[in-house]
N, C-alpha and C. Protein backbone atom coordinates (compact mmCIF):
# COMPACT_ATOMS: atom_id res chain seq x y z
N MET A 1 12.93 19.78 -65.90
CA MET A 1 12.20 19.79 -64.65
C MET A 1 10.70 19.57 -64.90
N LYS A 2 10.18 20.18 -65.99
CA LYS A 2 8.77 19.98 -66.30
C LYS A 2 8.47 18.51 -66.56
N ASN A 3 9.41 17.83 -67.26
CA ASN A 3 9.26 16.40 -67.52
C ASN A 3 9.16 15.62 -66.22
N LEU A 4 10.02 15.95 -65.29
CA LEU A 4 10.05 15.24 -64.01
C LEU A 4 8.74 15.42 -63.25
N ILE A 5 8.23 16.64 -63.22
CA ILE A 5 6.97 16.91 -62.53
C ILE A 5 5.83 16.17 -63.23
N PHE A 6 5.83 16.18 -64.57
CA PHE A 6 4.80 15.47 -65.32
C PHE A 6 4.83 13.98 -65.00
N ILE A 7 6.03 13.40 -65.01
CA ILE A 7 6.17 11.97 -64.73
C ILE A 7 5.71 11.66 -63.31
N LEU A 8 6.12 12.46 -62.35
CA LEU A 8 5.72 12.23 -60.96
C LEU A 8 4.21 12.31 -60.81
N LEU A 9 3.59 13.32 -61.41
CA LEU A 9 2.14 13.44 -61.32
C LEU A 9 1.44 12.26 -62.00
N THR A 10 1.99 11.81 -63.11
CA THR A 10 1.42 10.66 -63.81
C THR A 10 1.50 9.42 -62.94
N PHE A 11 2.68 9.19 -62.35
CA PHE A 11 2.85 8.04 -61.47
C PHE A 11 1.83 8.06 -60.35
N ILE A 12 1.73 9.18 -59.70
CA ILE A 12 0.87 9.27 -58.54
C ILE A 12 -0.60 9.15 -58.93
N SER A 13 -0.95 9.65 -60.12
CA SER A 13 -2.35 9.55 -60.53
C SER A 13 -2.73 8.15 -60.94
N ILE A 14 -1.76 7.30 -61.28
CA ILE A 14 -2.06 5.92 -61.67
C ILE A 14 -2.64 5.16 -60.49
N CYS A 15 -1.97 5.24 -59.36
CA CYS A 15 -2.46 4.46 -58.22
C CYS A 15 -1.84 5.01 -56.95
N SER A 16 -2.49 5.94 -56.33
CA SER A 16 -1.94 6.54 -55.12
C SER A 16 -2.79 6.14 -53.93
N TYR A 17 -2.14 5.98 -52.81
CA TYR A 17 -2.85 5.62 -51.59
C TYR A 17 -3.24 6.88 -50.83
N GLY A 18 -4.37 6.79 -50.13
CA GLY A 18 -4.78 7.88 -49.26
C GLY A 18 -5.60 8.92 -49.97
N GLN A 19 -5.11 10.14 -49.97
CA GLN A 19 -5.85 11.28 -50.48
C GLN A 19 -5.73 11.39 -51.99
N SER A 20 -6.31 12.46 -52.53
CA SER A 20 -6.21 12.67 -53.96
C SER A 20 -4.74 12.91 -54.33
N PRO A 21 -4.33 12.49 -55.53
CA PRO A 21 -2.92 12.62 -55.93
C PRO A 21 -2.39 14.05 -55.83
N ARG A 22 -3.17 15.03 -56.22
CA ARG A 22 -2.68 16.42 -56.17
C ARG A 22 -2.39 16.86 -54.74
N ARG A 23 -3.26 16.46 -53.83
CA ARG A 23 -3.06 16.81 -52.43
C ARG A 23 -1.80 16.15 -51.87
N VAL A 24 -1.57 14.91 -52.28
CA VAL A 24 -0.40 14.18 -51.82
C VAL A 24 0.87 14.87 -52.29
N VAL A 25 0.92 15.25 -53.57
CA VAL A 25 2.11 15.91 -54.12
C VAL A 25 2.39 17.21 -53.39
N LYS A 26 1.35 17.97 -53.07
CA LYS A 26 1.54 19.23 -52.35
C LYS A 26 2.14 19.01 -50.97
N LYS A 27 1.84 17.88 -50.35
CA LYS A 27 2.32 17.62 -49.00
C LYS A 27 3.71 17.01 -48.96
N LEU A 28 4.24 16.60 -50.11
CA LEU A 28 5.61 16.09 -50.13
C LEU A 28 6.57 17.25 -49.96
N GLY A 29 7.67 16.98 -49.30
CA GLY A 29 8.68 18.01 -49.13
C GLY A 29 9.49 18.20 -50.41
N SER A 30 10.53 18.99 -50.32
CA SER A 30 11.32 19.31 -51.51
C SER A 30 12.27 18.20 -51.93
N ASN A 31 12.49 17.23 -51.06
CA ASN A 31 13.45 16.17 -51.39
C ASN A 31 12.94 14.79 -50.96
N PRO A 32 11.85 14.31 -51.60
CA PRO A 32 11.34 12.99 -51.22
C PRO A 32 12.31 11.89 -51.66
N VAL A 33 12.19 10.74 -51.02
CA VAL A 33 13.01 9.58 -51.36
C VAL A 33 12.18 8.69 -52.28
N PHE A 34 12.81 8.23 -53.36
CA PHE A 34 12.11 7.41 -54.35
C PHE A 34 12.65 5.98 -54.36
N PHE A 35 11.72 5.04 -54.49
CA PHE A 35 12.07 3.64 -54.69
C PHE A 35 11.34 3.14 -55.92
N ILE A 36 12.04 2.45 -56.78
CA ILE A 36 11.42 1.76 -57.91
C ILE A 36 11.72 0.29 -57.75
N ASP A 37 10.69 -0.50 -57.65
CA ASP A 37 10.82 -1.95 -57.45
C ASP A 37 11.75 -2.28 -56.29
N SER A 38 11.55 -1.59 -55.18
CA SER A 38 12.29 -1.79 -53.93
C SER A 38 13.73 -1.30 -53.95
N VAL A 39 14.13 -0.62 -54.99
CA VAL A 39 15.49 -0.11 -55.09
C VAL A 39 15.45 1.41 -54.96
N ASN A 40 16.23 1.95 -54.04
CA ASN A 40 16.32 3.40 -53.85
C ASN A 40 16.95 4.01 -55.09
N VAL A 41 16.28 4.99 -55.70
CA VAL A 41 16.77 5.64 -56.91
C VAL A 41 16.78 7.15 -56.74
N LEU A 42 17.55 7.79 -57.57
CA LEU A 42 17.57 9.24 -57.60
C LEU A 42 16.33 9.77 -58.31
N GLN A 43 15.95 10.96 -57.99
CA GLN A 43 14.80 11.57 -58.63
C GLN A 43 14.99 11.62 -60.15
N SER A 44 16.20 11.84 -60.58
CA SER A 44 16.48 11.91 -62.03
C SER A 44 16.24 10.56 -62.72
N ASP A 45 16.31 9.46 -61.98
CA ASP A 45 16.06 8.13 -62.57
C ASP A 45 14.61 7.95 -63.00
N LEU A 46 13.71 8.75 -62.47
CA LEU A 46 12.29 8.63 -62.83
C LEU A 46 12.07 8.87 -64.32
N GLN A 47 12.92 9.68 -64.91
CA GLN A 47 12.77 10.01 -66.33
C GLN A 47 13.04 8.81 -67.23
N LYS A 48 13.67 7.78 -66.71
CA LYS A 48 13.98 6.59 -67.50
C LYS A 48 12.76 5.70 -67.73
N TYR A 49 11.69 5.97 -67.00
CA TYR A 49 10.52 5.10 -67.05
C TYR A 49 9.37 5.76 -67.79
N ASN A 50 8.76 4.99 -68.65
CA ASN A 50 7.56 5.41 -69.33
C ASN A 50 6.41 5.22 -68.34
N PRO A 51 5.53 6.18 -68.19
CA PRO A 51 4.41 6.02 -67.25
C PRO A 51 3.58 4.77 -67.50
N GLU A 52 3.57 4.27 -68.72
CA GLU A 52 2.81 3.05 -69.02
C GLU A 52 3.47 1.80 -68.44
N GLN A 53 4.71 1.91 -67.97
CA GLN A 53 5.41 0.79 -67.34
C GLN A 53 5.07 0.68 -65.85
N ILE A 54 4.37 1.65 -65.32
CA ILE A 54 4.12 1.73 -63.88
C ILE A 54 2.79 1.07 -63.53
N ALA A 55 2.84 0.17 -62.55
CA ALA A 55 1.64 -0.52 -62.09
C ALA A 55 1.04 0.16 -60.87
N ALA A 56 1.89 0.65 -59.97
CA ALA A 56 1.38 1.22 -58.72
C ALA A 56 2.36 2.22 -58.15
N VAL A 57 1.81 3.19 -57.46
CA VAL A 57 2.60 4.19 -56.74
C VAL A 57 2.01 4.32 -55.34
N THR A 58 2.87 4.22 -54.36
CA THR A 58 2.44 4.40 -52.98
C THR A 58 3.23 5.57 -52.41
N VAL A 59 2.54 6.50 -51.81
CA VAL A 59 3.18 7.68 -51.25
C VAL A 59 3.03 7.67 -49.73
N PHE A 60 4.15 7.79 -49.06
CA PHE A 60 4.15 7.89 -47.60
C PHE A 60 4.63 9.29 -47.25
N LYS A 61 3.96 9.91 -46.30
CA LYS A 61 4.36 11.26 -45.91
C LYS A 61 4.28 11.40 -44.40
N ASP A 62 4.85 12.47 -43.92
CA ASP A 62 4.80 12.80 -42.50
C ASP A 62 5.38 11.68 -41.63
N LYS A 63 4.69 11.36 -40.54
CA LYS A 63 5.20 10.35 -39.59
C LYS A 63 5.39 8.99 -40.23
N GLU A 64 4.51 8.64 -41.12
CA GLU A 64 4.60 7.32 -41.77
C GLU A 64 5.91 7.19 -42.56
N ALA A 65 6.29 8.24 -43.26
CA ALA A 65 7.53 8.22 -44.03
C ALA A 65 8.75 8.19 -43.11
N ILE A 66 8.68 8.91 -42.02
CA ILE A 66 9.78 8.92 -41.05
C ILE A 66 9.90 7.56 -40.37
N ASN A 67 8.77 6.91 -40.10
CA ASN A 67 8.81 5.57 -39.52
C ASN A 67 9.48 4.57 -40.45
N ILE A 68 9.34 4.76 -41.73
CA ILE A 68 9.93 3.85 -42.71
C ILE A 68 11.43 4.08 -42.86
N LEU A 69 11.83 5.34 -43.02
CA LEU A 69 13.23 5.64 -43.34
C LEU A 69 13.97 6.47 -42.30
N GLY A 70 13.31 6.81 -41.24
CA GLY A 70 13.95 7.68 -40.28
C GLY A 70 13.97 9.10 -40.82
N GLU A 71 14.91 9.88 -40.37
CA GLU A 71 14.98 11.30 -40.73
C GLU A 71 15.11 11.51 -42.25
N GLU A 72 15.67 10.54 -42.94
CA GLU A 72 15.82 10.64 -44.41
C GLU A 72 14.46 10.73 -45.10
N GLY A 73 13.41 10.21 -44.48
CA GLY A 73 12.08 10.22 -45.07
C GLY A 73 11.25 11.43 -44.71
N LYS A 74 11.84 12.43 -44.10
CA LYS A 74 11.06 13.58 -43.62
C LYS A 74 10.31 14.33 -44.72
N ASP A 75 10.81 14.29 -45.97
CA ASP A 75 10.13 14.96 -47.08
C ASP A 75 9.20 14.03 -47.84
N GLY A 76 9.08 12.80 -47.38
CA GLY A 76 8.18 11.84 -48.01
C GLY A 76 8.94 10.70 -48.67
N VAL A 77 8.23 9.61 -48.88
CA VAL A 77 8.77 8.44 -49.56
C VAL A 77 7.78 8.05 -50.64
N VAL A 78 8.29 7.86 -51.85
CA VAL A 78 7.46 7.46 -52.99
C VAL A 78 7.95 6.09 -53.44
N TYR A 79 7.06 5.11 -53.35
CA TYR A 79 7.40 3.73 -53.71
C TYR A 79 6.66 3.41 -55.00
N ILE A 80 7.42 3.12 -56.06
CA ILE A 80 6.87 2.88 -57.39
C ILE A 80 7.12 1.42 -57.76
N GLU A 81 6.09 0.77 -58.31
CA GLU A 81 6.24 -0.60 -58.78
C GLU A 81 5.98 -0.65 -60.28
N THR A 82 6.90 -1.28 -61.01
CA THR A 82 6.68 -1.49 -62.44
C THR A 82 5.74 -2.67 -62.64
N ILE A 83 5.22 -2.79 -63.83
CA ILE A 83 4.29 -3.87 -64.13
C ILE A 83 4.91 -5.25 -63.89
N PRO A 84 6.12 -5.54 -64.40
CA PRO A 84 6.68 -6.87 -64.15
C PRO A 84 6.89 -7.16 -62.65
N PHE A 85 7.31 -6.16 -61.89
CA PHE A 85 7.53 -6.34 -60.46
C PHE A 85 6.21 -6.65 -59.75
N ALA A 86 5.16 -5.88 -60.05
CA ALA A 86 3.86 -6.09 -59.43
C ALA A 86 3.28 -7.45 -59.83
N LYS A 87 3.46 -7.80 -61.10
CA LYS A 87 2.96 -9.08 -61.60
C LYS A 87 3.62 -10.25 -60.87
N LYS A 88 4.92 -10.14 -60.69
CA LYS A 88 5.66 -11.19 -59.98
C LYS A 88 5.19 -11.27 -58.53
N ARG A 89 4.91 -10.12 -57.95
CA ARG A 89 4.50 -10.08 -56.55
C ARG A 89 3.13 -10.73 -56.34
N TYR A 90 2.13 -10.37 -57.19
CA TYR A 90 0.82 -10.98 -56.98
C TYR A 90 0.81 -12.45 -57.39
N TRP A 91 1.59 -12.82 -58.41
CA TRP A 91 1.69 -14.23 -58.81
C TRP A 91 2.23 -15.07 -57.64
N LYS A 92 3.27 -14.56 -57.01
CA LYS A 92 3.87 -15.27 -55.88
C LYS A 92 2.85 -15.39 -54.72
N PHE A 93 2.15 -14.32 -54.43
CA PHE A 93 1.16 -14.33 -53.35
C PHE A 93 0.04 -15.32 -53.64
N PHE A 94 -0.56 -15.24 -54.84
CA PHE A 94 -1.66 -16.14 -55.17
C PHE A 94 -1.21 -17.60 -55.24
N SER A 95 0.03 -17.82 -55.66
CA SER A 95 0.57 -19.19 -55.71
C SER A 95 0.65 -19.81 -54.32
N THR A 96 0.90 -18.99 -53.31
CA THR A 96 0.93 -19.51 -51.94
C THR A 96 -0.47 -19.76 -51.39
N LYS A 97 -1.46 -19.13 -51.98
CA LYS A 97 -2.84 -19.26 -51.50
C LYS A 97 -3.61 -20.39 -52.18
N SER A 98 -3.14 -20.81 -53.36
CA SER A 98 -3.87 -21.83 -54.10
C SER A 98 -2.91 -22.70 -54.91
N SER A 99 -2.89 -23.99 -54.59
CA SER A 99 -2.04 -24.89 -55.38
C SER A 99 -2.59 -25.03 -56.80
N SER A 100 -3.89 -24.89 -56.98
CA SER A 100 -4.48 -24.93 -58.33
C SER A 100 -3.97 -23.76 -59.17
N TYR A 101 -3.90 -22.60 -58.57
CA TYR A 101 -3.36 -21.42 -59.26
C TYR A 101 -1.90 -21.65 -59.62
N ALA A 102 -1.13 -22.16 -58.67
CA ALA A 102 0.30 -22.41 -58.91
C ALA A 102 0.50 -23.44 -60.02
N ASP A 103 -0.34 -24.46 -60.06
CA ASP A 103 -0.25 -25.47 -61.12
C ASP A 103 -0.65 -24.89 -62.48
N LEU A 104 -1.70 -24.08 -62.49
CA LEU A 104 -2.19 -23.49 -63.73
C LEU A 104 -1.22 -22.46 -64.29
N LEU A 105 -0.59 -21.69 -63.40
CA LEU A 105 0.33 -20.63 -63.80
C LEU A 105 1.69 -20.88 -63.15
N PRO A 106 2.53 -21.69 -63.78
CA PRO A 106 3.81 -22.06 -63.16
C PRO A 106 4.82 -20.92 -63.04
N ASN A 107 4.62 -19.83 -63.76
CA ASN A 107 5.47 -18.65 -63.58
C ASN A 107 4.65 -17.39 -63.83
N PHE A 108 5.20 -16.26 -63.46
CA PHE A 108 4.42 -15.03 -63.49
C PHE A 108 4.11 -14.52 -64.90
N ASP A 109 4.76 -15.03 -65.91
CA ASP A 109 4.48 -14.61 -67.29
C ASP A 109 3.56 -15.56 -68.03
N SER A 110 2.97 -16.51 -67.33
CA SER A 110 2.18 -17.53 -68.01
C SER A 110 0.67 -17.28 -67.93
N ASP A 111 0.25 -16.04 -67.71
CA ASP A 111 -1.18 -15.80 -67.51
C ASP A 111 -1.91 -15.21 -68.72
N SER A 112 -1.40 -15.41 -69.92
CA SER A 112 -2.05 -14.85 -71.11
C SER A 112 -3.36 -15.57 -71.45
N THR A 113 -3.57 -16.76 -70.93
CA THR A 113 -4.79 -17.52 -71.23
C THR A 113 -5.85 -17.40 -70.14
N VAL A 114 -5.58 -16.56 -69.14
CA VAL A 114 -6.55 -16.42 -68.04
C VAL A 114 -7.10 -15.00 -67.97
N LEU A 115 -8.26 -14.91 -67.38
CA LEU A 115 -8.91 -13.63 -67.15
C LEU A 115 -9.05 -13.48 -65.64
N TYR A 116 -8.65 -12.33 -65.11
CA TYR A 116 -8.78 -12.08 -63.68
C TYR A 116 -10.11 -11.38 -63.41
N ILE A 117 -10.77 -11.85 -62.39
CA ILE A 117 -12.04 -11.28 -61.94
C ILE A 117 -11.86 -10.95 -60.47
N LEU A 118 -12.06 -9.70 -60.13
CA LEU A 118 -11.87 -9.24 -58.76
C LEU A 118 -13.22 -8.83 -58.18
N ASN A 119 -13.68 -9.60 -57.20
CA ASN A 119 -14.98 -9.32 -56.56
C ASN A 119 -16.09 -9.13 -57.59
N THR A 120 -16.20 -10.02 -58.50
CA THR A 120 -17.18 -10.06 -59.60
C THR A 120 -16.92 -9.06 -60.73
N LYS A 121 -15.89 -8.23 -60.62
CA LYS A 121 -15.56 -7.28 -61.69
C LYS A 121 -14.48 -7.88 -62.59
N VAL A 122 -14.79 -7.98 -63.87
CA VAL A 122 -13.81 -8.46 -64.82
C VAL A 122 -12.76 -7.37 -64.99
N LEU A 123 -11.50 -7.73 -64.79
CA LEU A 123 -10.42 -6.76 -64.91
C LEU A 123 -9.93 -6.68 -66.35
N ALA A 124 -9.74 -5.47 -66.82
CA ALA A 124 -9.17 -5.27 -68.15
C ALA A 124 -7.75 -5.81 -68.14
N GLU A 125 -7.30 -6.33 -69.26
CA GLU A 125 -5.96 -6.90 -69.31
C GLU A 125 -4.88 -5.86 -69.04
N LYS A 126 -5.14 -4.63 -69.42
CA LYS A 126 -4.17 -3.57 -69.19
C LYS A 126 -4.49 -2.85 -67.88
N GLY A 127 -3.53 -2.77 -67.00
CA GLY A 127 -3.71 -2.02 -65.77
C GLY A 127 -4.17 -2.81 -64.56
N LEU A 128 -4.27 -4.12 -64.67
CA LEU A 128 -4.74 -4.91 -63.53
C LEU A 128 -3.66 -5.18 -62.50
N GLU A 129 -2.41 -5.04 -62.88
CA GLU A 129 -1.29 -5.42 -62.00
C GLU A 129 -1.27 -4.66 -60.68
N GLY A 130 -1.51 -3.38 -60.71
CA GLY A 130 -1.49 -2.59 -59.48
C GLY A 130 -2.58 -3.01 -58.52
N ASN A 131 -3.77 -3.27 -59.05
CA ASN A 131 -4.88 -3.70 -58.18
C ASN A 131 -4.59 -5.06 -57.57
N LEU A 132 -4.14 -6.01 -58.38
CA LEU A 132 -3.87 -7.35 -57.86
C LEU A 132 -2.70 -7.35 -56.89
N ALA A 133 -1.69 -6.53 -57.15
CA ALA A 133 -0.53 -6.47 -56.25
C ALA A 133 -0.86 -5.83 -54.91
N SER A 134 -1.98 -5.11 -54.84
CA SER A 134 -2.35 -4.48 -53.56
C SER A 134 -3.07 -5.46 -52.62
N ILE A 135 -3.33 -6.66 -53.10
CA ILE A 135 -3.99 -7.67 -52.26
C ILE A 135 -2.93 -8.35 -51.40
N ASN A 136 -3.25 -8.47 -50.11
CA ASN A 136 -2.31 -9.09 -49.17
C ASN A 136 -3.09 -9.91 -48.14
N ASP A 137 -2.38 -10.46 -47.18
CA ASP A 137 -3.03 -11.29 -46.16
C ASP A 137 -4.11 -10.55 -45.38
N GLU A 138 -3.97 -9.26 -45.26
CA GLU A 138 -4.92 -8.46 -44.50
C GLU A 138 -6.28 -8.36 -45.19
N ASN A 139 -6.30 -8.33 -46.54
CA ASN A 139 -7.57 -8.13 -47.24
C ASN A 139 -8.00 -9.30 -48.12
N PHE A 140 -7.14 -10.27 -48.32
CA PHE A 140 -7.44 -11.43 -49.16
C PHE A 140 -8.48 -12.33 -48.49
N LYS A 141 -9.42 -12.85 -49.31
CA LYS A 141 -10.42 -13.77 -48.79
C LYS A 141 -10.41 -15.12 -49.51
N GLU A 142 -10.36 -15.10 -50.84
CA GLU A 142 -10.51 -16.35 -51.57
C GLU A 142 -9.98 -16.22 -52.99
N ILE A 143 -9.55 -17.36 -53.54
CA ILE A 143 -9.16 -17.44 -54.94
C ILE A 143 -9.74 -18.75 -55.49
N ARG A 144 -10.37 -18.66 -56.67
CA ARG A 144 -10.95 -19.83 -57.31
C ARG A 144 -10.62 -19.81 -58.80
N ILE A 145 -10.46 -21.00 -59.37
CA ILE A 145 -10.25 -21.15 -60.80
C ILE A 145 -11.60 -21.44 -61.45
N ILE A 146 -11.92 -20.73 -62.51
CA ILE A 146 -13.17 -20.92 -63.24
C ILE A 146 -12.82 -21.50 -64.61
N ASP A 147 -13.52 -22.55 -65.00
CA ASP A 147 -13.24 -23.17 -66.30
C ASP A 147 -13.83 -22.34 -67.45
N LYS A 148 -13.48 -22.70 -68.67
CA LYS A 148 -13.88 -21.96 -69.87
C LYS A 148 -15.41 -21.88 -70.01
N VAL A 149 -16.10 -22.98 -69.73
CA VAL A 149 -17.56 -23.01 -69.86
C VAL A 149 -18.20 -22.02 -68.89
N THR A 150 -17.78 -22.06 -67.64
CA THR A 150 -18.31 -21.14 -66.62
C THR A 150 -17.95 -19.70 -66.96
N LEU A 151 -16.74 -19.50 -67.42
CA LEU A 151 -16.27 -18.15 -67.78
C LEU A 151 -17.15 -17.56 -68.89
N GLU A 152 -17.47 -18.38 -69.87
CA GLU A 152 -18.32 -17.91 -70.97
C GLU A 152 -19.76 -17.70 -70.50
N LYS A 153 -20.28 -18.64 -69.73
CA LYS A 153 -21.68 -18.58 -69.27
C LYS A 153 -21.93 -17.41 -68.32
N GLU A 154 -21.06 -17.23 -67.32
CA GLU A 154 -21.29 -16.21 -66.29
C GLU A 154 -20.74 -14.83 -66.63
N TYR A 155 -19.70 -14.78 -67.48
CA TYR A 155 -19.06 -13.49 -67.75
C TYR A 155 -19.04 -13.12 -69.23
N GLY A 156 -19.52 -14.02 -70.09
CA GLY A 156 -19.56 -13.73 -71.51
C GLY A 156 -18.19 -13.65 -72.18
N VAL A 157 -17.20 -14.25 -71.57
CA VAL A 157 -15.83 -14.18 -72.08
C VAL A 157 -15.54 -15.46 -72.86
N THR A 158 -15.13 -15.29 -74.11
CA THR A 158 -14.88 -16.45 -74.97
C THR A 158 -13.42 -16.60 -75.38
N ASN A 159 -12.60 -15.60 -75.13
CA ASN A 159 -11.21 -15.64 -75.62
C ASN A 159 -10.19 -16.08 -74.57
N LYS A 160 -10.64 -16.59 -73.45
CA LYS A 160 -9.74 -17.07 -72.40
C LYS A 160 -10.10 -18.50 -72.02
N ILE A 161 -9.12 -19.24 -71.54
CA ILE A 161 -9.34 -20.64 -71.19
C ILE A 161 -9.83 -20.78 -69.75
N TYR A 162 -9.31 -19.93 -68.87
CA TYR A 162 -9.67 -19.99 -67.45
C TYR A 162 -9.93 -18.59 -66.92
N GLY A 163 -10.68 -18.56 -65.83
CA GLY A 163 -10.87 -17.33 -65.08
C GLY A 163 -10.26 -17.52 -63.70
N ILE A 164 -9.69 -16.46 -63.17
CA ILE A 164 -9.17 -16.48 -61.80
C ILE A 164 -10.03 -15.51 -61.01
N LEU A 165 -10.87 -16.07 -60.16
CA LEU A 165 -11.77 -15.24 -59.35
C LEU A 165 -11.10 -14.97 -58.01
N ILE A 166 -10.87 -13.70 -57.74
CA ILE A 166 -10.25 -13.26 -56.49
C ILE A 166 -11.32 -12.53 -55.68
N VAL A 167 -11.44 -12.90 -54.43
CA VAL A 167 -12.35 -12.21 -53.52
C VAL A 167 -11.48 -11.54 -52.47
N SER A 168 -11.69 -10.24 -52.30
CA SER A 168 -10.85 -9.46 -51.40
C SER A 168 -11.61 -8.25 -50.87
N ASP A 169 -11.26 -7.85 -49.67
CA ASP A 169 -11.73 -6.56 -49.17
C ASP A 169 -10.95 -5.47 -49.89
N VAL A 170 -11.45 -4.26 -49.82
CA VAL A 170 -10.73 -3.12 -50.40
C VAL A 170 -9.52 -2.82 -49.52
N PRO A 171 -8.33 -2.74 -50.12
CA PRO A 171 -7.14 -2.39 -49.31
C PRO A 171 -7.33 -1.02 -48.65
N LYS A 172 -6.83 -0.91 -47.44
CA LYS A 172 -6.92 0.36 -46.72
C LYS A 172 -6.18 1.46 -47.48
N ASN A 173 -6.76 2.63 -47.50
CA ASN A 173 -6.16 3.83 -48.08
C ASN A 173 -5.87 3.74 -49.57
N LEU A 174 -6.49 2.83 -50.29
CA LEU A 174 -6.30 2.75 -51.74
C LEU A 174 -7.11 3.86 -52.40
N TYR A 175 -6.45 4.70 -53.16
CA TYR A 175 -7.11 5.80 -53.83
C TYR A 175 -8.19 5.26 -54.77
N LYS A 176 -9.42 5.71 -54.58
CA LYS A 176 -10.58 5.25 -55.34
C LYS A 176 -10.74 3.73 -55.26
N GLY A 177 -10.38 3.17 -54.11
CA GLY A 177 -10.43 1.73 -53.91
C GLY A 177 -11.80 1.11 -54.13
N ASN A 178 -12.86 1.80 -53.72
CA ASN A 178 -14.20 1.22 -53.89
C ASN A 178 -14.57 1.06 -55.36
N LYS A 179 -14.04 1.89 -56.21
CA LYS A 179 -14.30 1.75 -57.64
C LYS A 179 -13.49 0.61 -58.25
N LYS A 180 -12.32 0.35 -57.69
CA LYS A 180 -11.43 -0.68 -58.22
C LYS A 180 -11.79 -2.07 -57.71
N PHE A 181 -12.34 -2.13 -56.50
CA PHE A 181 -12.68 -3.40 -55.89
C PHE A 181 -14.18 -3.53 -55.83
């Protein structure tokens, strides 16, 4: 049980929407519903995942959770995305927004030669998936491809061939969103 609580707290602290993660956990009921990569899972299934595999956690509680699942969501809904799932999601989204992006990155695993820049902030290679996957039509503004020369001149980056500059508003209710965006 201690393992389960540790894993849940780790998930929620990675990327939780709304309030502070501790406050969110306290407001969940005794039997929340869990989804991993859009698949409803048992609470015991959480132990199968290493916290480093998690890109994002979204917690719905109260009326919002009931609106999603009906009475089954009365104790809360926890939606967890793994890194590959989040990566595939943002790749698909950005591919629809820019044919240049789609041409440069023909599949979601082909981005090892690019550097993502979000609102002028260079994103670390580890942990960017949750932030990029939180971008949607509501907050997205622009995507541009930056060549190697510009990437080196403006950002001092020499180990990547291209930069992907994403301009976006901060997603609503993103925990510490202003620091991430």
